[in-house]
Amino acid sequence: MSASGAVANKSLDQNTSEQNPAKKIGSSFADILFRKGTGFIAFIVAIALIAIMISLIIEGWQAIHTFGWKFLVTSTWDPVTNEYGALVFIVGTRVSSAIAMVIAVPVSFGIALFISELSPNWMRGPISATIELL
């Protein structure tokens, strides 16, 4: 690298650090409070998810012990012999979700392209507001 290239890179680094507010030396009290508050809320969400998983395992232990994990991988549903399986319901949910995604993704991309590229300015506001309500 030449000396002029090194000087250009150094001046580029100085310009980007001066323009980027995230690289400032000091932070305001509001920024620190927001960062700490967001971290605290994320911690609370993680604790809540762990508590939900523990509760599901504790409350469902009898069903897990009685039917075993085969409940998730078999499709037998016979109340007379007390045999149950949820595979049909799980697969049905996955298939219906996949069908919904196959329909929704192209439609949403088409709407986004229409709003951003093709629609007249007077139409963008009402269509965007309607889409946001959905």
Protein backbone atom coordinates (compact mmCIF):
# COMPACT_ATOMS: atom_id res chain seq x y z
CA MET A 1 0.00 0.00 0.00
CA SER A 2 1.36 3.43 -0.84
CA ALA A 3 1.75 6.30 1.60
CA SER A 4 -1.05 8.25 -0.05
CA GLY A 5 -3.36 5.23 0.31
CA ALA A 6 -2.55 5.00 4.02
CA VAL A 7 -3.28 8.71 4.48
CA ALA A 8 -6.57 8.34 2.61
CA ASN A 9 -7.59 5.38 4.77
CA LYS A 10 -6.68 7.26 7.97
CA SER A 11 -8.74 10.28 6.95
CA LEU A 12 -11.61 7.97 5.97
CA ASP A 13 -11.51 6.35 9.42
CA GLN A 14 -11.56 9.77 11.11
CA ASN A 15 -14.52 10.90 9.01
CA THR A 16 -16.58 7.81 9.76
CA SER A 17 -15.87 7.99 13.50
CA GLU A 18 -16.85 11.67 13.54
CA GLN A 19 -20.07 10.98 11.63
CA ASN A 20 -21.09 7.86 13.57
CA PRO A 21 -22.78 8.89 16.83
CA ALA A 22 -22.40 5.36 18.22
CA LYS A 23 -18.62 5.85 18.42
CA LYS A 24 -18.82 8.91 20.69
CA ILE A 25 -16.71 8.74 23.81
CA GLY A 26 -19.40 9.80 26.29
CA SER A 27 -23.00 8.67 26.45
CA SER A 28 -25.95 10.51 27.85
CA PHE A 29 -27.83 9.28 30.89
CA ALA A 30 -30.87 8.47 28.73
CA ASP A 31 -28.78 6.21 26.46
CA ILE A 32 -27.35 4.32 29.42
CA LEU A 33 -30.78 4.03 31.02
CA PHE A 34 -32.30 2.76 27.78
CA ARG A 35 -29.51 0.21 27.27
CA LYS A 36 -29.78 -1.09 30.85
CA GLY A 37 -33.58 -1.11 30.72
CA THR A 38 -33.63 -3.03 27.45
CA GLY A 39 -31.16 -5.57 28.84
CA PHE A 40 -33.29 -5.97 31.96
CA ILE A 41 -36.46 -6.55 29.94
CA ALA A 42 -34.64 -9.10 27.74
CA PHE A 43 -33.51 -10.88 30.92
CA ILE A 44 -37.11 -10.93 32.23
CA VAL A 45 -38.35 -12.39 28.92
CA ALA A 46 -35.70 -15.13 29.07
CA ILE A 47 -36.67 -15.96 32.67
CA ALA A 48 -40.36 -16.06 31.68
CA LEU A 49 -39.63 -18.47 28.81
CA ILE A 50 -37.62 -20.74 31.10
CA ALA A 51 -40.43 -20.64 33.68
CA ILE A 52 -42.99 -21.58 31.02
CA MET A 53 -40.88 -24.54 29.88
CA ILE A 54 -40.42 -25.75 33.47
CA SER A 55 -44.15 -25.37 34.16
CA LEU A 56 -45.06 -27.32 31.02
CA ILE A 57 -42.72 -30.16 31.96
CA ILE A 58 -43.92 -30.30 35.58
CA GLU A 59 -47.63 -30.11 34.74
CA GLY A 60 -47.32 -32.47 31.78
CA TRP A 61 -45.10 -35.02 33.49
CA GLN A 62 -47.99 -37.41 34.14
CA ALA A 63 -49.00 -37.37 30.48
CA ILE A 64 -45.38 -37.73 29.38
CA HIS A 65 -44.92 -40.63 31.80
CA THR A 66 -48.20 -42.33 30.77
CA PHE A 67 -48.00 -41.95 26.99
CA GLY A 68 -44.28 -41.44 26.55
CA TRP A 69 -42.62 -39.49 23.77
CA LYS A 70 -44.27 -41.76 21.20
CA PHE A 71 -47.27 -39.44 21.56
CA LEU A 72 -45.44 -37.04 19.25
CA VAL A 73 -44.50 -39.59 16.59
CA THR A 74 -47.51 -41.92 16.30
CA SER A 75 -50.87 -41.30 14.69
CA THR A 76 -52.96 -43.79 16.68
CA TRP A 77 -55.98 -42.25 18.40
CA ASP A 78 -57.92 -44.94 20.26
CA PRO A 79 -59.63 -43.94 23.51
CA VAL A 80 -60.81 -47.53 24.13
CA THR A 81 -57.26 -48.85 24.46
CA ASN A 82 -55.97 -45.56 25.88
CA GLU A 83 -53.52 -45.03 22.99
CA TYR A 84 -53.02 -41.55 21.67
CA GLY A 85 -50.76 -39.98 19.08
CA ALA A 86 -50.55 -36.42 17.81
CA LEU A 87 -48.55 -36.90 14.63
CA VAL A 88 -51.55 -36.24 12.37
CA PHE A 89 -52.29 -32.97 14.14
CA ILE A 90 -48.65 -31.88 14.08
CA VAL A 91 -48.26 -32.65 10.37
CA GLY A 92 -51.58 -30.96 9.59
CA THR A 93 -50.48 -27.82 11.37
CA ARG A 94 -47.16 -27.78 9.53
CA VAL A 95 -48.80 -28.34 6.13
CA SER A 96 -51.44 -25.63 6.64
CA SER A 97 -48.72 -23.22 7.81
CA ALA A 98 -46.62 -24.01 4.74
CA ILE A 99 -49.60 -23.43 2.44
CA ALA A 100 -50.27 -20.10 4.16
CA MET A 101 -46.64 -19.06 3.67
CA VAL A 102 -46.65 -20.09 0.00
CA ILE A 103 -49.63 -17.81 -0.51
CA ALA A 104 -48.65 -14.93 1.80
CA VAL A 105 -44.99 -14.37 0.86
CA PRO A 106 -45.49 -13.68 -2.88
CA VAL A 107 -48.56 -11.56 -2.19
CA SER A 108 -46.70 -9.48 0.40
CA PHE A 109 -43.73 -8.96 -1.93
CA GLY A 110 -46.10 -7.95 -4.71
CA ILE A 111 -47.86 -5.44 -2.48
CA ALA A 112 -44.53 -4.03 -1.26
CA LEU A 113 -43.27 -3.63 -4.82
CA PHE A 114 -46.52 -2.00 -5.90
CA ILE A 115 -46.49 0.47 -3.01
CA SER A 116 -42.83 1.41 -3.37
CA GLU A 117 -42.41 1.41 -7.14
CA LEU A 118 -45.68 1.52 -9.06
CA SER A 119 -48.41 3.25 -7.07
CA PRO A 120 -48.98 6.98 -7.47
CA ASN A 121 -48.06 9.18 -4.51
CA TRP A 122 -51.66 9.94 -3.61
CA MET A 123 -52.38 6.20 -3.28
CA ARG A 124 -49.36 5.23 -1.15
CA GLY A 125 -50.63 6.71 2.10
CA PRO A 126 -54.06 5.04 2.19
CA ILE A 127 -52.72 1.66 1.01
CA SER A 128 -49.86 1.74 3.52
CA ALA A 129 -52.26 2.61 6.35
CA THR A 130 -54.61 -0.20 5.33
CA ILE A 131 -51.77 -2.72 5.17
CA GLU A 132 -50.51 -1.65 8.61
CA LEU A 133 -53.98 -2.29 10.04
CA LEU A 134 -53.82 -5.87 8.79
